[in-house]
């Protein structure tokens, strides 16, 4: 009887040990999944920030272009006005 009890105890220990190992592995898998998800989220955030920067750069370029164009148009308008005034003075 004593031998059987010892064997049972050993088997019980093995079963519990395997159970514990299984739980550890499951926990490790969950942790790994969490880390992977966190990496994906950080990557998304980084991409989002990068896109926002690009958008701001594009907007800034548009504003600069608009300023240049309006400045050129203003200068051309002034030239036309000056030319007209000169012709009127010369015509009189």
Protein backbone atom coordinates (compact mmCIF):
# COMPACT_ATOMS: atom_id res chain seq x y z
CA UNK A 1 0.00 0.00 0.00
CA UNK A 2 2.76 2.45 0.87
CA UNK A 3 4.33 1.98 -2.53
CA UNK A 4 1.05 2.74 -4.28
CA UNK A 5 0.53 5.89 -2.22
CA UNK A 6 4.01 7.09 -3.13
CA UNK A 7 3.38 6.38 -6.80
CA UNK A 8 0.06 8.25 -6.65
CA UNK A 9 1.71 11.21 -4.94
CA UNK A 10 4.41 11.31 -7.60
CA UNK A 11 1.82 11.10 -10.39
CA UNK A 12 -0.20 13.86 -8.72
CA UNK A 13 2.91 16.06 -8.51
CA UNK A 14 3.66 15.44 -12.19
CA UNK A 15 0.09 16.31 -13.17
CA UNK A 16 0.13 19.50 -11.13
CA UNK A 17 3.53 20.41 -12.53
CA UNK A 18 2.30 19.93 -16.09
CA UNK A 19 -0.80 21.97 -15.29
CA UNK A 20 1.38 24.76 -13.91
CA UNK A 21 3.63 24.64 -16.98
CA UNK A 22 0.59 24.82 -19.24
CA UNK A 23 -0.70 27.86 -17.37
CA UNK A 24 2.71 29.51 -17.60
CA UNK A 25 2.83 28.92 -21.35
CA UNK A 26 -0.68 30.32 -21.75
CA UNK A 27 0.29 33.39 -19.74
CA UNK A 28 3.43 33.86 -21.85
CA UNK A 29 1.34 33.62 -25.02
CA UNK A 30 -1.07 36.25 -23.69
CA UNK A 31 1.83 38.54 -22.77
CA UNK A 32 3.36 38.08 -26.22
CA UNK A 33 0.04 38.94 -27.86
CA UNK A 34 -0.21 42.07 -25.72
CA UNK A 35 3.31 43.12 -26.73
CA UNK A 36 2.55 42.54 -30.40
CA UNK A 37 -0.67 44.54 -30.14
CA UNK A 38 1.17 47.37 -28.41
CA UNK A 39 3.79 47.39 -31.19
CA UNK A 40 1.05 47.56 -33.83
CA UNK A 41 -0.65 50.43 -32.01
CA UNK A 42 2.61 52.35 -31.68
CA UNK A 43 3.29 51.81 -35.37
CA UNK A 44 -0.18 53.12 -36.24
CA UNK A 45 0.33 56.16 -34.03
CA UNK A 46 3.71 56.86 -35.61
CA UNK A 47 2.22 56.58 -39.06
CA UNK A 48 -0.62 58.90 -38.08
CA UNK A 49 1.79 61.52 -36.75
CA UNK A 50 3.88 61.23 -39.91
CA UNK A 51 0.79 61.75 -42.08
CA UNK A 52 -0.20 64.78 -40.01
CA UNK A 53 3.28 66.26 -40.51
CA UNK A 54 3.04 65.66 -44.25
CA UNK A 55 -0.41 67.29 -44.31
CA UNK A 56 0.91 70.35 -42.50
CA UNK A 57 3.84 70.59 -44.93
CA UNK A 58 1.44 70.41 -47.88
CA UNK A 59 -0.76 73.10 -46.38
CA UNK A 60 2.26 75.33 -45.76
CA UNK A 61 3.41 74.85 -49.37
CA UNK A 62 -0.08 75.74 -50.61
CA UNK A 63 -0.08 78.94 -48.52
CA UNK A 64 3.37 79.91 -49.78
CA UNK A 65 2.35 79.25 -53.38
CA UNK A 66 -0.82 81.29 -52.89
CA UNK A 67 1.20 84.18 -51.45
CA UNK A 68 3.63 84.10 -54.39
CA UNK A 69 0.84 83.98 -56.94
CA UNK A 70 -1.09 86.83 -55.33
CA UNK A 71 2.12 88.89 -55.12
CA UNK A 72 2.85 88.29 -58.81
CA UNK A 73 -0.72 89.15 -59.77
CA UNK A 74 -0.57 92.33 -57.71
CA UNK A 75 2.70 93.36 -59.39
CA UNK A 76 1.27 92.66 -62.84
CA UNK A 77 -1.83 94.68 -62.02
CA UNK A 78 0.33 97.58 -60.83
CA UNK A 79 2.40 97.39 -64.04
CA UNK A 80 -0.73 97.48 -66.16
CA UNK A 81 -2.05 100.44 -64.18
CA UNK A 82 1.28 102.29 -64.51
CA UNK A 83 1.40 101.58 -68.22
CA UNK A 84 -2.13 102.88 -68.68
CA UNK A 85 -1.35 106.03 -66.66
CA UNK A 86 1.81 106.65 -68.72
CA UNK A 87 -0.10 106.25 -71.96
CA UNK A 88 -2.78 108.62 -70.76
CA UNK A 89 -0.14 111.20 -69.79
CA UNK A 90 1.63 110.81 -73.12
CA UNK A 91 -1.65 110.93 -75.00
CA UNK A 92 -2.66 114.26 -73.47
